[in-house]
């Protein structure tokens, strides 16, 4: 028996310079309902598809037991 991992990228337009806590909470609850446990949250700059700029975002890593 081992573990499996899921990494979810979350990015959102900045409102007042901060990412929406509600969006992050929603993602956490969505994956928790499927048996995933939060392992780590890492802040990143996510490159946009158009233009040289980036937006702030997070990578959320989840873990769950196999089997």
PDB file of N, CA and C in Angstrom:
ATOM      1  N   UNK A   1       0.843  -1.183   0.000  1.00  0.00           N
ATOM      2  CA  UNK A   1       0.000   0.000   0.000  1.00  0.00           C
ATOM      3  C   UNK A   1       0.886   1.244   0.000  1.00  0.00           C
ATOM      4  N   UNK A   2       0.622   2.165  -0.886  1.00  0.00           N
ATOM      5  CA  UNK A   2       1.404   3.387  -0.967  1.00  0.00           C
ATOM      6  C   UNK A   2       0.490   4.593  -1.011  1.00  0.00           C
ATOM      7  N   UNK A   3       1.046   5.666  -1.516  1.00  0.00           N
ATOM      8  CA  UNK A   3       0.301   6.915  -1.618  1.00  0.00           C
ATOM      9  C   UNK A   3       0.252   7.382  -3.063  1.00  0.00           C
ATOM     10  N   UNK A   4      -0.743   8.166  -3.375  1.00  0.00           N
ATOM     11  CA  UNK A   4      -0.811   8.840  -4.663  1.00  0.00           C
ATOM     12  C   UNK A   4      -1.006  10.324  -4.399  1.00  0.00           C
ATOM     13  N   UNK A   5      -0.611  11.125  -5.383  1.00  0.00           N
ATOM     14  CA  UNK A   5      -0.631  12.575  -5.207  1.00  0.00           C
ATOM     15  C   UNK A   5      -1.370  13.249  -6.349  1.00  0.00           C
ATOM     16  N   UNK A   6      -1.945  14.382  -6.039  1.00  0.00           N
ATOM     17  CA  UNK A   6      -2.656  15.221  -7.010  1.00  0.00           C
ATOM     18  C   UNK A   6      -2.179  16.644  -6.787  1.00  0.00           C
ATOM     19  N   UNK A   7      -1.777  17.321  -7.868  1.00  0.00           N
ATOM     20  CA  UNK A   7      -1.362  18.721  -7.780  1.00  0.00           C
ATOM     21  C   UNK A   7      -2.354  19.554  -8.589  1.00  0.00           C
ATOM     22  N   UNK A   8      -2.940  20.553  -7.944  1.00  0.00           N
ATOM     23  CA  UNK A   8      -3.942  21.406  -8.574  1.00  0.00           C
ATOM     24  C   UNK A   8      -3.403  22.835  -8.605  1.00  0.00           C
ATOM     25  N   UNK A   9      -3.449  23.441  -9.779  1.00  0.00           N
ATOM     26  CA  UNK A   9      -3.004  24.833  -9.931  1.00  0.00           C
ATOM     27  C   UNK A   9      -4.225  25.744  -9.811  1.00  0.00           C
ATOM     28  N   UNK A  10      -4.120  26.730  -8.939  1.00  0.00           N
ATOM     29  CA  UNK A  10      -5.210  27.693  -8.769  1.00  0.00           C
ATOM     30  C   UNK A  10      -4.665  29.075  -9.073  1.00  0.00           C
ATOM     31  N   UNK A  11      -5.320  29.754  -9.975  1.00  0.00           N
ATOM     32  CA  UNK A  11      -4.967  31.153 -10.213  1.00  0.00           C
ATOM     33  C   UNK A  11      -6.250  31.931 -10.360  1.00  0.00           C
ATOM     34  N   UNK A  12      -6.186  33.153  -9.960  1.00  0.00           N
ATOM     35  CA  UNK A  12      -7.376  33.985  -9.976  1.00  0.00           C
ATOM     36  C   UNK A  12      -6.938  35.414 -10.155  1.00  0.00           C
ATOM     37  N   UNK A  13      -7.757  36.194 -10.817  1.00  0.00           N
ATOM     38  CA  UNK A  13      -7.452  37.606 -10.928  1.00  0.00           C
ATOM     39  C   UNK A  13      -7.296  38.211  -9.551  1.00  0.00           C
ATOM     40  N   UNK A  14      -6.348  39.062  -9.423  1.00  0.00           N
ATOM     41  CA  UNK A  14      -6.090  39.642  -8.118  1.00  0.00           C
ATOM     42  C   UNK A  14      -7.120  40.717  -7.804  1.00  0.00           C
ATOM     43  N   UNK A  15      -7.674  40.638  -6.633  1.00  0.00           N
ATOM     44  CA  UNK A  15      -8.622  41.633  -6.167  1.00  0.00           C
ATOM     45  C   UNK A  15      -8.031  42.217  -4.896  1.00  0.00           C
ATOM     46  N   UNK A  16      -7.622  43.451  -4.955  1.00  0.00           N
ATOM     47  CA  UNK A  16      -6.987  44.049  -3.794  1.00  0.00           C
ATOM     48  C   UNK A  16      -5.645  43.431  -3.468  1.00  0.00           C
ATOM     49  N   UNK A  17      -4.998  42.788  -4.470  1.00  0.00           N
ATOM     50  CA  UNK A  17      -3.676  42.212  -4.267  1.00  0.00           C
ATOM     51  C   UNK A  17      -3.672  40.853  -3.606  1.00  0.00           C
ATOM     52  N   UNK A  18      -4.847  40.249  -3.402  1.00  0.00           N
ATOM     53  CA  UNK A  18      -4.878  38.956  -2.723  1.00  0.00           C
ATOM     54  C   UNK A  18      -5.740  37.966  -3.480  1.00  0.00           C
ATOM     55  N   UNK A  19      -5.369  36.699  -3.389  1.00  0.00           N
ATOM     56  CA  UNK A  19      -6.177  35.647  -3.979  1.00  0.00           C
ATOM     57  C   UNK A  19      -7.385  35.389  -3.076  1.00  0.00           C
ATOM     58  N   UNK A  20      -8.473  35.026  -3.665  1.00  0.00           N
ATOM     59  CA  UNK A  20      -9.700  34.772  -2.926  1.00  0.00           C
ATOM     60  C   UNK A  20      -9.562  33.540  -2.030  1.00  0.00           C
ATOM     61  N   UNK A  21      -9.742  33.726  -0.738  1.00  0.00           N
ATOM     62  CA  UNK A  21      -9.701  32.605   0.206  1.00  0.00           C
ATOM     63  C   UNK A  21     -10.873  31.664  -0.055  1.00  0.00           C
ATOM     64  N   UNK A  22     -11.994  32.220  -0.491  1.00  0.00           N
ATOM     65  CA  UNK A  22     -13.171  31.401  -0.769  1.00  0.00           C
ATOM     66  C   UNK A  22     -12.922  30.398  -1.881  1.00  0.00           C
ATOM     67  N   UNK A  23     -12.191  30.815  -2.915  1.00  0.00           N
ATOM     68  CA  UNK A  23     -11.895  29.897  -4.018  1.00  0.00           C
ATOM     69  C   UNK A  23     -10.997  28.762  -3.538  1.00  0.00           C
ATOM     70  N   UNK A  24      -9.975  29.094  -2.758  1.00  0.00           N
ATOM     71  CA  UNK A  24      -9.073  28.072  -2.232  1.00  0.00           C
ATOM     72  C   UNK A  24      -9.841  27.095  -1.332  1.00  0.00           C
ATOM     73  N   UNK A  25     -10.688  27.624  -0.466  1.00  0.00           N
ATOM     74  CA  UNK A  25     -11.475  26.778   0.424  1.00  0.00           C
ATOM     75  C   UNK A  25     -12.370  25.834  -0.368  1.00  0.00           C
ATOM     76  N   UNK A  26     -12.962  26.329  -1.424  1.00  0.00           N
ATOM     77  CA  UNK A  26     -13.827  25.515  -2.262  1.00  0.00           C
ATOM     78  C   UNK A  26     -13.060  24.348  -2.885  1.00  0.00           C
ATOM     79  N   UNK A  27     -11.873  24.628  -3.393  1.00  0.00           N
ATOM     80  CA  UNK A  27     -11.039  23.578  -3.990  1.00  0.00           C
ATOM     81  C   UNK A  27     -10.639  22.544  -2.940  1.00  0.00           C
ATOM     82  N   UNK A  28     -10.237  23.007  -1.764  1.00  0.00           N
ATOM     83  CA  UNK A  28      -9.844  22.083  -0.697  1.00  0.00           C
ATOM     84  C   UNK A  28     -10.998  21.150  -0.329  1.00  0.00           C
ATOM     85  N   UNK A  29     -12.190  21.710  -0.165  1.00  0.00           N
ATOM     86  CA  UNK A  29     -13.352  20.897   0.193  1.00  0.00           C
ATOM     87  C   UNK A  29     -13.753  19.930  -0.908  1.00  0.00           C
ATOM     88  N   UNK A  30     -13.614  20.366  -2.154  1.00  0.00           N
ATOM     89  CA  UNK A  30     -13.958  19.511  -3.298  1.00  0.00           C
ATOM     90  C   UNK A  30     -13.089  18.254  -3.320  1.00  0.00           C
ATOM     91  N   UNK A  31     -11.782  18.427  -3.149  1.00  0.00           N
ATOM     92  CA  UNK A  31     -10.873  17.276  -3.191  1.00  0.00           C
ATOM     93  C   UNK A  31     -10.949  16.454  -1.911  1.00  0.00           C
ATOM     94  N   UNK A  32     -11.187  17.083  -0.773  1.00  0.00           N
ATOM     95  CA  UNK A  32     -11.334  16.354   0.490  1.00  0.00           C
ATOM     96  C   UNK A  32     -12.524  15.397   0.417  1.00  0.00           C
ATOM     97  N   UNK A  33     -13.588  15.809  -0.243  1.00  0.00           N
ATOM     98  CA  UNK A  33     -14.770  14.963  -0.383  1.00  0.00           C
ATOM     99  C   UNK A  33     -14.463  13.691  -1.171  1.00  0.00           C
ATOM    100  N   UNK A  34     -13.388  13.725  -1.963  1.00  0.00           N
ATOM    101  CA  UNK A  34     -12.981  12.553  -2.746  1.00  0.00           C
ATOM    102  C   UNK A  34     -11.873  11.759  -2.054  1.00  0.00           C
ATOM    103  N   UNK A  35     -11.591  12.098  -0.797  1.00  0.00           N
ATOM    104  CA  UNK A  35     -10.621  11.338  -0.030  1.00  0.00           C
ATOM    105  C   UNK A  35      -9.200  11.877  -0.042  1.00  0.00           C
ATOM    106  N   UNK A  36      -8.976  13.024  -0.655  1.00  0.00           N
ATOM    107  CA  UNK A  36      -7.639  13.613  -0.718  1.00  0.00           C
ATOM    108  C   UNK A  36      -7.393  14.479   0.516  1.00  0.00           C
ATOM    109  N   UNK A  37      -6.174  14.415   1.048  1.00  0.00           N
ATOM    110  CA  UNK A  37      -5.767  15.217   2.201  1.00  0.00           C
ATOM    111  C   UNK A  37      -4.741  16.248   1.753  1.00  0.00           C
ATOM    112  N   UNK A  38      -4.883  17.467   2.236  1.00  0.00           N
ATOM    113  CA  UNK A  38      -3.954  18.539   1.890  1.00  0.00           C
ATOM    114  C   UNK A  38      -2.557  18.189   2.373  1.00  0.00           C
ATOM    115  N   UNK A  39      -1.579  18.306   1.468  1.00  0.00           N
ATOM    116  CA  UNK A  39      -0.183  18.034   1.818  1.00  0.00           C
ATOM    117  C   UNK A  39       0.630  19.321   1.849  1.00  0.00           C
ATOM    118  N   UNK A  40       0.415  20.205   0.852  1.00  0.00           N
ATOM    119  CA  UNK A  40       1.195  21.449   0.787  1.00  0.00           C
ATOM    120  C   UNK A  40       0.493  22.467  -0.093  1.00  0.00           C
ATOM    121  N   UNK A  41       0.763  23.742   0.200  1.00  0.00           N
ATOM    122  CA  UNK A  41       0.317  24.847  -0.644  1.00  0.00           C
ATOM    123  C   UNK A  41       1.561  25.669  -0.957  1.00  0.00           C
ATOM    124  N   UNK A  42       1.838  25.868  -2.255  1.00  0.00           N
ATOM    125  CA  UNK A  42       3.031  26.574  -2.684  1.00  0.00           C
ATOM    126  C   UNK A  42       2.644  27.764  -3.548  1.00  0.00           C
ATOM    127  N   UNK A  43       3.098  28.954  -3.174  1.00  0.00           N
ATOM    128  CA  UNK A  43       2.813  30.153  -3.970  1.00  0.00           C
ATOM    129  C   UNK A  43       3.695  30.142  -5.208  1.00  0.00           C
ATOM    130  N   UNK A  44       3.128  30.499  -6.350  1.00  0.00           N
ATOM    131  CA  UNK A  44       3.861  30.532  -7.614  1.00  0.00           C
ATOM    132  C   UNK A  44       3.403  31.722  -8.437  1.00  0.00           C
ATOM    133  N   UNK A  45       4.222  32.100  -9.406  1.00  0.00           N
ATOM    134  CA  UNK A  45       3.794  33.061 -10.412  1.00  0.00           C
ATOM    135  C   UNK A  45       3.439  32.247 -11.637  1.00  0.00           C
ATOM    136  N   UNK A  46       2.187  32.335 -12.057  1.00  0.00           N
ATOM    137  CA  UNK A  46       1.681  31.553 -13.162  1.00  0.00           C
ATOM    138  C   UNK A  46       1.708  32.416 -14.415  1.00  0.00           C
ATOM    139  N   UNK A  47       2.404  31.955 -15.439  1.00  0.00           N
ATOM    140  CA  UNK A  47       2.477  32.701 -16.693  1.00  0.00           C
ATOM    141  C   UNK A  47       1.125  32.669 -17.394  1.00  0.00           C
ATOM    142  N   UNK A  48       0.725  33.809 -17.897  1.00  0.00           N
ATOM    143  CA  UNK A  48      -0.521  33.885 -18.644  1.00  0.00           C
ATOM    144  C   UNK A  48      -0.326  33.347 -20.049  1.00  0.00           C
ATOM    145  N   UNK A  49      -1.396  33.017 -20.715  1.00  0.00           N
ATOM    146  CA  UNK A  49      -1.309  32.514 -22.085  1.00  0.00           C
ATOM    147  C   UNK A  49      -0.975  33.630 -23.068  1.00  0.00           C
ATOM    148  N   UNK A  50      -1.345  34.851 -22.711  1.00  0.00           N
ATOM    149  CA  UNK A  50      -1.101  35.984 -23.602  1.00  0.00           C
ATOM    150  C   UNK A  50      -0.300  37.024 -22.844  1.00  0.00           C
ATOM    151  N   UNK A  51       0.784  37.463 -23.413  1.00  0.00           N
ATOM    152  CA  UNK A  51       1.575  38.515 -22.786  1.00  0.00           C
ATOM    153  C   UNK A  51       2.658  37.978 -21.872  1.00  0.00           C
ATOM    154  N   UNK A  52       3.598  38.849 -21.537  1.00  0.00           N
ATOM    155  CA  UNK A  52       4.749  38.426 -20.738  1.00  0.00           C
ATOM    156  C   UNK A  52       4.501  38.365 -19.235  1.00  0.00           C
ATOM    157  N   UNK A  53       3.427  38.972 -18.768  1.00  0.00           N
ATOM    158  CA  UNK A  53       3.182  39.045 -17.329  1.00  0.00           C
ATOM    159  C   UNK A  53       2.700  37.737 -16.755  1.00  0.00           C
ATOM    160  N   UNK A  54       2.628  37.681 -15.454  1.00  0.00           N
ATOM    161  CA  UNK A  54       2.097  36.512 -14.780  1.00  0.00           C
ATOM    162  C   UNK A  54       1.108  36.944 -13.722  1.00  0.00           C
ATOM    163  N   UNK A  55       0.407  35.993 -13.187  1.00  0.00           N
ATOM    164  CA  UNK A  55      -0.487  36.277 -12.070  1.00  0.00           C
ATOM    165  C   UNK A  55      -0.066  35.405 -10.905  1.00  0.00           C
ATOM    166  N   UNK A  56      -0.340  35.870  -9.724  1.00  0.00           N
ATOM    167  CA  UNK A  56      -0.035  35.051  -8.570  1.00  0.00           C
ATOM    168  C   UNK A  56      -1.019  33.896  -8.508  1.00  0.00           C
ATOM    169  N   UNK A  57      -0.525  32.780  -8.054  1.00  0.00           N
ATOM    170  CA  UNK A  57      -1.370  31.607  -7.908  1.00  0.00           C
ATOM    171  C   UNK A  57      -0.752  30.675  -6.893  1.00  0.00           C
ATOM    172  N   UNK A  58      -1.370  29.523  -6.739  1.00  0.00           N
ATOM    173  CA  UNK A  58      -0.836  28.528  -5.821  1.00  0.00           C
ATOM    174  C   UNK A  58      -0.924  27.152  -6.464  1.00  0.00           C
ATOM    175  N   UNK A  59       0.014  26.309  -6.081  1.00  0.00           N
ATOM    176  CA  UNK A  59      -0.069  24.893  -6.390  1.00  0.00           C
ATOM    177  C   UNK A  59      -0.473  24.211  -5.098  1.00  0.00           C
ATOM    178  N   UNK A  60      -1.547  23.445  -5.155  1.00  0.00           N
ATOM    179  CA  UNK A  60      -2.049  22.747  -3.977  1.00  0.00           C
ATOM    180  C   UNK A  60      -1.792  21.259  -4.184  1.00  0.00           C
ATOM    181  N   UNK A  61      -1.046  20.654  -3.273  1.00  0.00           N
ATOM    182  CA  UNK A  61      -0.703  19.241  -3.381  1.00  0.00           C
ATOM    183  C   UNK A  61      -1.527  18.448  -2.376  1.00  0.00           C
ATOM    184  N   UNK A  62      -2.187  17.398  -2.891  1.00  0.00           N
ATOM    185  CA  UNK A  62      -3.007  16.516  -2.068  1.00  0.00           C
ATOM    186  C   UNK A  62      -2.404  15.123  -2.060  1.00  0.00           C
ATOM    187  N   UNK A  63      -2.702  14.368  -1.007  1.00  0.00           N
ATOM    188  CA  UNK A  63      -2.198  13.008  -0.860  1.00  0.00           C
ATOM    189  C   UNK A  63      -3.337  12.119  -0.388  1.00  0.00           C
ATOM    190  N   UNK A  64      -3.347  10.869  -0.855  1.00  0.00           N
ATOM    191  CA  UNK A  64      -4.271   9.881  -0.305  1.00  0.00           C
ATOM    192  C   UNK A  64      -3.657   8.498  -0.445  1.00  0.00           C
ATOM    193  N   UNK A  65      -4.102   7.581   0.401  1.00  0.00           N
ATOM    194  CA  UNK A  65      -3.610   6.211   0.368  1.00  0.00           C
ATOM    195  C   UNK A  65      -4.182   5.495  -0.846  1.00  0.00           C
ATOM    196  N   UNK A  66      -3.364   4.657  -1.440  1.00  0.00           N
ATOM    197  CA  UNK A  66      -3.856   3.791  -2.507  1.00  0.00           C
ATOM    198  C   UNK A  66      -4.521   2.592  -1.861  1.00  0.00           C
ATOM    199  N   UNK A  67      -5.614   2.200  -2.448  1.00  0.00           N
ATOM    200  CA  UNK A  67      -6.296   0.999  -1.945  1.00  0.00           C
ATOM    201  C   UNK A  67      -7.014   1.281  -0.740  1.00  0.00           C
TER     202      UNK A  67
END
